[in-house]
Amino acid sequence: MKLIISLTLLAVAATSISSCGVSSEKTTSSSASTPAATASATAKSGDGANTTELARRVVAESAKIKPGDVVVIDGGKHTIPLMEALAIESQKAGGMVTMFLESDLVMRSYNVDVPEKYLEQKPTFFAEWLKPMDVYISLPGAEDFKAVNAGVPEARFAKAAQAGQIITDLLNGSKVRLVFIGYPSKQEAENNQLDFGAYEKMHWAAVNADYRQIAEKGDQLKKLLQGAKQVKVTSPGGTDLSFAVGSRRVFVQGGVVSEQASKEKFFLSRIASLPGGSVSVAPIETSVNGKVVVPKNRCRYEPLTDASFEFKNGKLDNFKAGKGADCFNQTIAPYTGPKDTFASFSVGLNPALKVIEDGGDYRPYNAAGMVYVGIGDNQMLGGSNKTQGGYNFPVVKATVAIDGKVVVKDGQLVF
């Protein structure tokens, strides 16, 4: 079930420590105004975070759990200390709690051992379970997603994603509020080519960022993007892309689901991510034209280098890469529909997250000034692309101008 729920989370943007679904990695990873996070990220419990303080803040601020709320907490074996703290605090707030536990072993077996015909079974039972849920708190279900997904044919992911469309279809009509909490592991640090201590420290600092300030930045950028006639994205690598936003909805994703957002029809308005901080939109697909150049990225944890392609009226054309082109083609091949049509644009807002390309391979989508563009599915963003396939591309050191006003300059926020 992690895969199905997390697909919607990453419809917002791109690859991150919590990325999943339409992304360059396969991992099963709202406008807010809230007091600045003050909980300490100092290690006090052996897992790099003060789990009790974090759980209290998530329950009180991020999810705003009220008496009678039906609460599901979902995570992997390595996240049990935080899951337990969240369950305890949720119960104390009057929530009625159920916990779902996942593991690398079971997830790996689903990927490789289950007969393909069973991957096509629609999770109608979970659709029924979802209806009475008020809050779904999601943590990573595995410690090492690279190992969980290694060597799995994309066709298997495609079958499971098609079956899970039933969940995507009902989320806007549901009442559920989703809080995703990233949880660093040594394996993920290694996969990102980072020292675990530094990776863990940065993660918890980002979880405890000043979300009032992030929300203010997000709302400013949202106002500029709404109705924009031309958004222009360039980069030192050679990206030169433009598109129109028009009447499309702009989403701000931060660390809380506000009282107003909790009543929104759009499910993406009812999502909080920790660490959070991004603004995302599905531009008018046919308005997108220009070139994208991505010197360094990954495809299923393997290098994708010197990638370049063009958009002609929103359609991807002439894809090339120095390394990893076959992986990209194989990743989108099993899906049908507008999988190669422009889907999304996002800008990160979290000042505690950093892009690390020298001495690492880490480009979190919600790092301040980080830009991603995506192809394929954008249903949850209010776009017109209905598919389960897609891909997201980082534009590092991007410059972004909205109707002539520069808001990102060389990968830094300037508004």
Protein backbone atom coordinates (compact mmCIF):
# COMPACT_ATOMS: atom_id res chain seq x y z
CA MET A 1 0.00 0.00 0.00
CA LYS A 2 2.97 2.34 0.47
CA LEU A 3 3.52 2.50 -3.27
CA ILE A 4 -0.08 3.48 -3.99
CA ILE A 5 -0.31 6.23 -1.39
CA SER A 6 3.16 7.66 -2.06
CA LEU A 7 2.50 7.94 -5.78
CA THR A 8 0.32 10.93 -5.05
CA LEU A 9 2.90 12.57 -2.83
CA LEU A 10 5.44 12.69 -5.64
CA ALA A 11 2.93 13.86 -8.20
CA VAL A 12 3.81 17.23 -6.69
CA ALA A 13 7.41 17.25 -7.65
CA ALA A 14 10.38 15.11 -8.18
CA THR A 15 13.06 12.96 -6.76
CA SER A 16 13.77 13.39 -3.08
CA ILE A 17 14.52 11.38 -0.01
CA SER A 18 10.84 10.45 -0.10
CA SER A 19 10.45 10.03 -3.83
CA CYS A 20 8.29 7.46 -5.53
CA GLY A 21 6.05 6.95 -8.53
CA VAL A 22 6.75 9.14 -11.54
CA SER A 23 10.38 9.73 -10.77
CA SER A 24 13.92 9.02 -11.79
CA GLU A 25 14.12 6.62 -8.86
CA LYS A 26 11.65 3.97 -7.77
CA THR A 27 11.17 4.37 -4.04
CA THR A 28 8.23 3.62 -1.92
CA SER A 29 9.36 8.82 -1.39
CA SER A 30 -0.38 22.87 0.83
CA SER A 31 -0.01 26.22 1.76
CA ALA A 32 0.85 26.52 5.42
CA SER A 33 1.13 29.13 8.11
CA THR A 34 2.46 27.70 11.34
CA PRO A 35 4.76 28.70 14.19
CA ALA A 36 8.42 28.18 13.42
CA ALA A 37 9.64 24.72 14.26
CA THR A 38 11.50 24.81 17.53
CA ALA A 39 11.97 21.16 18.36
CA SER A 40 15.61 20.21 18.56
CA ALA A 41 17.07 17.91 15.92
CA THR A 42 19.80 16.87 18.32
CA ALA A 43 20.12 13.11 18.58
CA LYS A 44 18.51 12.00 21.81
CA SER A 45 17.12 8.60 21.00
CA GLY A 46 19.78 6.89 18.90
CA ASP A 47 17.99 7.43 15.58
CA GLY A 48 19.08 11.01 14.98
CA ALA A 49 15.94 12.78 16.19
CA ASN A 50 14.04 13.58 19.34
CA THR A 51 11.17 11.28 18.39
CA THR A 52 8.84 12.38 21.18
CA GLU A 53 9.15 16.08 20.38
CA LEU A 54 8.83 15.44 16.66
CA ALA A 55 5.77 13.23 17.18
CA ARG A 56 4.12 15.92 19.30
CA ARG A 57 4.72 18.53 16.64
CA VAL A 58 3.44 16.30 13.83
CA VAL A 59 0.26 15.46 15.74
CA ALA A 60 -0.43 19.01 16.92
CA GLU A 61 0.76 21.08 13.94
CA SER A 62 1.33 19.01 10.80
CA ALA A 63 -1.68 16.67 10.99
CA LYS A 64 -3.77 18.60 13.55
CA ILE A 65 -5.25 15.39 14.93
CA LYS A 66 -8.54 15.90 16.75
CA PRO A 67 -10.59 13.63 19.03
CA GLY A 68 -12.30 10.96 16.96
CA ASP A 69 -9.93 11.18 13.98
CA VAL A 70 -9.19 7.82 12.37
CA VAL A 71 -5.38 7.70 12.10
CA VAL A 72 -3.19 5.24 10.19
CA ILE A 73 0.58 5.20 10.75
CA ASP A 74 2.57 3.35 8.11
CA GLY A 75 6.31 2.67 8.08
CA GLY A 76 9.18 0.22 7.91
CA LYS A 77 10.88 -1.77 10.64
CA HIS A 78 13.67 0.80 10.96
CA THR A 79 11.13 3.57 11.67
CA ILE A 80 9.35 1.79 14.55
CA PRO A 81 10.62 4.18 17.30
CA LEU A 82 9.08 7.17 15.53
CA MET A 83 5.95 5.20 14.58
CA GLU A 84 5.43 4.29 18.23
CA ALA A 85 5.91 7.89 19.34
CA LEU A 86 3.44 9.08 16.71
CA ALA A 87 0.90 6.46 17.77
CA ILE A 88 1.21 7.41 21.43
CA GLU A 89 0.81 11.13 20.76
CA SER A 90 -2.08 10.52 18.35
CA GLN A 91 -3.91 8.47 20.97
CA LYS A 92 -3.32 11.16 23.59
CA ALA A 93 -4.90 13.69 21.19
CA GLY A 94 -7.99 11.50 20.86
CA GLY A 95 -7.09 9.78 17.60
CA MET A 96 -8.10 6.18 16.92
CA VAL A 97 -4.86 4.62 15.70
CA THR A 98 -3.93 1.67 13.51
CA MET A 99 -0.33 0.89 12.54
CA PHE A 100 0.78 -0.72 9.26
CA LEU A 101 4.26 -2.28 9.28
CA GLU A 102 6.35 -2.93 6.19
CA SER A 103 9.76 -4.48 5.57
CA ASP A 104 12.47 -4.67 2.92
CA LEU A 105 12.05 -8.44 2.72
CA VAL A 106 8.30 -8.36 2.06
CA MET A 107 8.55 -5.46 -0.39
CA ARG A 108 11.33 -7.23 -2.28
CA SER A 109 9.28 -10.41 -2.45
CA TYR A 110 6.31 -8.49 -3.85
CA ASN A 111 8.57 -7.06 -6.54
CA VAL A 112 10.17 -10.33 -7.64
CA ASP A 113 8.19 -13.34 -6.38
CA VAL A 114 4.52 -12.50 -6.86
CA PRO A 115 3.13 -13.87 -10.16
CA GLU A 116 2.42 -11.04 -12.59
CA LYS A 117 -1.28 -11.88 -12.78
CA TYR A 118 -1.60 -11.00 -9.09
CA LEU A 119 0.04 -7.60 -9.58
CA GLU A 120 -3.02 -6.67 -11.62
CA GLN A 121 -5.42 -7.20 -8.71
CA LYS A 122 -7.11 -3.90 -7.89
CA PRO A 123 -6.88 -2.92 -4.21
CA THR A 124 -10.59 -2.23 -3.87
CA PHE A 125 -10.41 -3.29 -0.22
CA PHE A 126 -7.96 -0.47 0.49
CA ALA A 127 -10.18 2.00 -1.32
CA GLU A 128 -12.91 1.10 1.17
CA TRP A 129 -10.48 1.39 4.10
CA LEU A 130 -9.45 4.84 2.90
CA LYS A 131 -12.96 6.29 3.09
CA PRO A 132 -13.22 6.58 6.90
CA MET A 133 -9.57 7.66 7.35
CA ASP A 134 -8.90 11.20 8.51
CA VAL A 135 -5.11 11.12 8.79
CA TYR A 136 -2.49 8.93 7.10
CA ILE A 137 1.05 9.34 8.48
CA SER A 138 3.53 7.72 6.14
CA LEU A 139 7.20 6.88 6.76
CA PRO A 140 9.57 5.04 4.40
CA GLY A 141 8.68 1.37 4.23
CA ALA A 142 12.20 0.17 3.48
CA GLU A 143 15.73 1.02 4.54
CA ASP A 144 17.29 0.27 1.16
CA PHE A 145 15.03 0.94 -1.80
CA LYS A 146 17.87 0.33 -4.22
CA ALA A 147 18.11 -3.27 -3.06
CA VAL A 148 14.31 -3.66 -2.88
CA ASN A 149 13.90 -2.61 -6.53
CA ALA A 150 17.15 -3.88 -8.04
CA GLY A 151 16.67 -5.74 -11.33
CA VAL A 152 12.87 -5.58 -11.24
CA PRO A 153 11.47 -5.16 -14.78
CA GLU A 154 9.60 -1.89 -15.19
CA ALA A 155 6.66 -3.85 -16.60
CA ARG A 156 5.96 -5.19 -13.11
CA PHE A 157 5.84 -1.68 -11.65
CA ALA A 158 3.54 -0.67 -14.50
CA LYS A 159 1.07 -3.47 -13.77
CA ALA A 160 0.92 -2.58 -10.08
CA ALA A 161 0.55 1.12 -10.86
CA GLN A 162 -2.33 0.47 -13.25
CA ALA A 163 -4.11 -1.57 -10.58
CA GLY A 164 -3.53 1.25 -8.10
CA GLN A 165 -5.23 3.83 -10.29
CA ILE A 166 -8.41 3.10 -8.34
CA ILE A 167 -6.81 4.81 -5.32
CA THR A 168 -5.68 7.87 -7.29
CA ASP A 169 -9.19 8.24 -8.70
CA LEU A 170 -10.83 8.56 -5.30
CA LEU A 171 -8.30 10.68 -3.38
CA ASN A 172 -9.68 14.09 -4.38
CA GLY A 173 -13.07 12.97 -3.12
CA SER A 174 -11.70 11.64 0.14
CA LYS A 175 -11.18 13.54 3.39
CA VAL A 176 -7.79 12.05 4.27
CA ARG A 177 -4.88 14.28 5.29
CA LEU A 178 -1.46 12.83 4.51
CA VAL A 179 1.74 13.58 6.40
CA PHE A 180 4.91 12.08 4.97
CA ILE A 181 7.98 12.00 7.23
CA GLY A 182 11.32 11.19 5.64
CA TYR A 183 13.56 8.95 7.72
CA PRO A 184 17.26 8.77 6.82
CA SER A 185 18.99 5.41 6.64
CA LYS A 186 22.63 4.47 6.20
CA GLN A 187 21.74 2.66 2.98
CA GLU A 188 20.08 5.72 1.46
CA ALA A 189 23.05 7.88 2.48
CA GLU A 190 25.33 5.41 0.73
CA ASN A 191 23.10 5.40 -2.35
CA ASN A 192 23.35 9.20 -2.42
CA GLN A 193 27.13 8.94 -1.94
CA LEU A 194 26.97 10.91 1.28
CA ASP A 195 28.43 10.49 4.75
CA PHE A 196 25.60 9.22 6.93
CA GLY A 197 26.30 11.58 9.82
CA ALA A 198 26.18 14.65 7.56
CA TYR A 199 23.15 13.30 5.68
CA GLU A 200 21.24 12.61 8.89
CA LYS A 201 22.10 16.00 10.39
CA MET A 202 20.95 17.86 7.28
CA HIS A 203 17.73 15.84 7.12
CA TRP A 204 16.62 16.59 10.68
CA ALA A 205 17.63 20.25 10.32
CA ALA A 206 15.34 20.40 7.28
CA VAL A 207 12.52 18.66 9.17
CA ASN A 208 12.85 21.36 11.83
CA ALA A 209 13.02 24.26 9.38
CA ASP A 210 11.11 27.49 9.89
CA TYR A 211 7.87 26.57 8.11
CA ARG A 212 6.32 29.97 8.70
CA GLN A 213 9.08 31.50 6.60
CA ILE A 214 8.80 28.70 4.03
CA ALA A 215 5.03 29.24 3.81
CA GLU A 216 5.50 32.96 3.26
CA LYS A 217 7.97 32.29 0.45
CA GLY A 218 5.65 29.68 -1.01
CA ASP A 219 2.67 32.00 -1.00
CA GLN A 220 4.69 34.75 -2.70
CA LEU A 221 5.82 32.38 -5.44
CA LYS A 222 2.31 30.97 -5.81
CA LYS A 223 0.90 34.45 -6.45
CA LEU A 224 3.53 35.09 -9.12
CA LEU A 225 2.89 31.76 -10.85
CA GLN A 226 -0.90 31.95 -10.86
CA GLY A 227 -2.02 33.04 -14.30
CA ALA A 228 1.56 33.43 -15.56
CA LYS A 229 1.78 33.87 -19.33
CA GLN A 230 5.44 32.90 -19.60
CA VAL A 231 7.71 31.05 -17.21
CA LYS A 232 11.24 30.82 -18.56
CA VAL A 233 13.77 28.31 -17.18
CA THR A 234 17.45 28.44 -18.15
CA SER A 235 20.63 26.88 -16.79
CA PRO A 236 24.40 27.01 -17.37
CA GLY A 237 24.17 23.49 -18.81
CA GLY A 238 22.02 24.65 -21.72
CA THR A 239 18.39 24.42 -20.56
CA ASP A 240 16.18 27.02 -22.24
CA LEU A 241 12.52 26.25 -21.67
CA SER A 242 9.32 28.28 -21.53
CA PHE A 243 5.67 27.57 -20.70
CA ALA A 244 2.43 29.14 -19.54
CA VAL A 245 0.58 28.41 -16.30
CA GLY A 246 -2.74 30.00 -17.20
CA SER A 247 -5.59 28.99 -14.92
CA ARG A 248 -3.87 25.90 -13.54
CA ARG A 249 -3.82 25.44 -9.76
CA VAL A 250 -0.52 26.15 -7.96
CA PHE A 251 0.29 24.03 -4.89
CA VAL A 252 2.47 24.99 -1.94
CA GLN A 253 3.76 22.03 0.05
CA GLY A 254 5.07 22.66 3.51
CA GLY A 255 5.26 21.02 6.89
CA VAL A 256 1.60 21.31 7.92
CA VAL A 257 -1.92 20.85 6.61
CA SER A 258 -3.64 24.10 7.55
CA GLU A 259 -7.23 24.21 8.80
CA GLN A 260 -8.31 25.73 5.49
CA ALA A 261 -6.32 23.22 3.43
CA SER A 262 -7.81 20.28 5.34
CA LYS A 263 -11.17 21.15 3.78
CA GLU A 264 -9.83 21.45 0.22
CA LYS A 265 -11.13 19.18 -2.53
CA PHE A 266 -7.68 18.72 -4.06
CA PHE A 267 -5.81 15.98 -2.22
CA LEU A 268 -2.46 17.69 -2.78
CA SER A 269 -3.66 20.59 -0.64
CA ARG A 270 -4.07 18.08 2.19
CA ILE A 271 -0.47 16.80 2.10
CA ALA A 272 2.33 17.84 4.44
CA SER A 273 5.88 16.64 3.97
CA LEU A 274 8.72 16.66 6.48
CA PRO A 275 11.11 17.92 5.38
CA GLY A 276 8.83 20.11 3.31
CA GLY A 277 9.02 23.19 1.17
CA SER A 278 8.12 23.33 -2.52
CA VAL A 279 5.81 25.02 -4.99
CA SER A 280 4.48 22.92 -7.87
CA VAL A 281 2.20 23.31 -10.85
CA ALA A 282 1.07 21.43 -13.92
CA PRO A 283 1.54 24.03 -16.69
CA ILE A 284 -0.62 24.08 -19.80
CA GLU A 285 0.95 21.10 -21.50
CA THR A 286 0.80 22.34 -25.09
CA SER A 287 2.45 25.66 -24.13
CA VAL A 288 5.79 24.04 -23.31
CA ASN A 289 8.63 24.56 -25.77
CA GLY A 290 12.40 24.55 -25.60
CA LYS A 291 15.35 22.44 -24.54
CA VAL A 292 16.30 20.72 -21.29
CA VAL A 293 19.88 19.69 -20.54
CA VAL A 294 20.65 17.52 -17.48
CA PRO A 295 24.40 16.94 -17.03
CA LYS A 296 23.96 14.61 -14.05
CA ASN A 297 21.04 12.54 -12.82
CA ARG A 298 20.17 8.94 -11.98
CA CYS A 299 17.91 6.31 -13.42
CA ARG A 300 17.05 3.51 -11.02
CA TYR A 301 20.10 4.47 -8.98
CA GLU A 302 22.44 4.19 -11.97
CA PRO A 303 24.10 7.22 -13.63
CA LEU A 304 22.16 9.16 -16.26
CA THR A 305 24.62 11.68 -17.65
CA ASP A 306 24.65 14.40 -20.30
CA ALA A 307 20.94 13.97 -21.01
CA SER A 308 19.25 16.41 -23.37
CA PHE A 309 15.88 16.63 -25.07
CA GLU A 310 13.39 19.09 -26.49
CA PHE A 311 9.76 19.90 -25.92
CA LYS A 312 7.65 20.77 -28.94
CA ASN A 313 4.19 21.91 -27.89
CA GLY A 314 4.61 19.87 -24.73
CA LYS A 315 5.79 16.65 -26.34
CA LEU A 316 9.24 15.28 -25.49
CA ASP A 317 11.44 14.81 -28.55
CA ASN A 318 14.99 13.83 -29.46
CA PHE A 319 16.08 12.37 -26.11
CA LYS A 320 19.81 11.70 -25.87
CA ALA A 321 22.20 10.79 -23.06
CA GLY A 322 25.87 10.02 -22.71
CA LYS A 323 25.05 7.26 -20.25
CA GLY A 324 21.72 5.80 -19.13
CA ALA A 325 19.58 6.41 -22.23
CA ASP A 326 18.56 2.75 -22.37
CA CYS A 327 17.45 2.89 -18.72
CA PHE A 328 15.30 5.94 -19.39
CA ASN A 329 13.67 4.36 -22.44
CA GLN A 330 13.03 1.12 -20.57
CA THR A 331 11.59 3.00 -17.60
CA ILE A 332 8.82 4.69 -19.57
CA ALA A 333 8.28 1.96 -22.19
CA PRO A 334 5.68 -0.21 -20.34
CA TYR A 335 3.31 2.68 -19.69
CA THR A 336 0.58 3.96 -21.98
CA GLY A 337 -0.93 7.38 -22.53
CA PRO A 338 0.84 10.78 -22.34
CA LYS A 339 3.89 9.43 -20.49
CA ASP A 340 6.24 11.62 -22.57
CA THR A 341 4.20 14.83 -22.34
CA PHE A 342 5.28 17.71 -20.09
CA ALA A 343 3.67 17.30 -16.68
CA SER A 344 5.06 19.43 -13.88
CA PHE A 345 7.32 22.21 -12.71
CA SER A 346 8.51 22.67 -9.13
CA VAL A 347 10.78 24.97 -7.12
CA GLY A 348 12.20 23.95 -3.73
CA LEU A 349 11.94 26.25 -0.70
CA ASN A 350 13.68 24.53 2.24
CA PRO A 351 16.91 26.38 3.13
CA ALA A 352 18.32 23.53 5.22
CA LEU A 353 18.50 21.10 2.28
CA LYS A 354 21.45 21.37 -0.08
CA VAL A 355 22.14 20.05 -3.55
CA ILE A 356 25.36 18.04 -3.40
CA GLU A 357 26.91 17.03 -6.72
CA ASP A 358 30.60 17.36 -5.83
CA GLY A 359 31.28 14.65 -3.28
CA GLY A 360 27.76 13.29 -3.52
CA ASP A 361 24.83 12.56 -5.79
CA TYR A 362 21.98 14.33 -4.04
CA ARG A 363 19.41 16.69 -5.54
CA PRO A 364 16.41 16.90 -3.15
CA TYR A 365 13.39 18.43 -4.86
CA ASN A 366 12.52 20.66 -1.90
CA ALA A 367 16.00 22.19 -1.45
CA ALA A 368 15.73 25.99 -1.72
CA GLY A 369 16.18 27.01 -5.37
CA MET A 370 16.15 23.45 -6.74
CA VAL A 371 14.09 23.17 -9.93
CA TYR A 372 12.54 20.03 -11.36
CA VAL A 373 10.56 19.48 -14.54
CA GLY A 374 8.57 16.33 -15.12
CA ILE A 375 6.86 14.34 -17.83
CA GLY A 376 3.93 11.97 -17.63
CA ASP A 377 1.26 11.73 -14.96
CA ASN A 378 -0.08 14.98 -13.48
CA GLN A 379 -3.61 13.98 -12.51
CA MET A 380 -3.29 15.04 -8.89
CA LEU A 381 -1.87 18.43 -9.91
CA GLY A 382 -4.99 19.16 -11.94
CA GLY A 383 -3.28 18.50 -15.27
CA SER A 384 -4.64 16.67 -18.29
CA ASN A 385 -2.15 13.76 -18.40
CA LYS A 386 -3.74 10.56 -17.13
CA THR A 387 -1.12 7.85 -17.08
CA GLN A 388 0.93 5.98 -14.49
CA GLY A 389 4.29 6.55 -16.20
CA GLY A 390 6.65 9.47 -16.23
CA TYR A 391 9.98 10.87 -15.18
CA ASN A 392 11.41 13.88 -13.37
CA PHE A 393 14.53 15.82 -14.30
CA PRO A 394 16.59 18.13 -12.07
CA VAL A 395 17.68 21.51 -13.44
CA VAL A 396 20.60 22.42 -11.20
CA LYS A 397 21.67 26.08 -10.87
CA ALA A 398 18.56 27.11 -12.76
CA THR A 399 17.39 30.66 -13.37
CA VAL A 400 13.61 31.11 -13.42
CA ALA A 401 11.77 34.21 -14.63
CA ILE A 402 7.99 34.57 -14.28
CA ASP A 403 6.58 37.08 -16.75
CA GLY A 404 9.98 38.77 -16.69
CA LYS A 405 10.51 38.74 -12.91
CA VAL A 406 13.51 36.62 -11.84
CA VAL A 407 12.64 34.47 -8.81
CA VAL A 408 15.50 31.95 -8.95
CA LYS A 409 19.01 32.94 -10.01
CA ASP A 410 21.71 30.30 -10.49
CA GLY A 411 19.89 27.93 -8.14
CA GLN A 412 19.21 30.53 -5.41
CA LEU A 413 15.89 32.06 -4.43
CA VAL A 414 15.98 35.82 -5.11
CA PHE A 415 12.49 37.04 -4.17
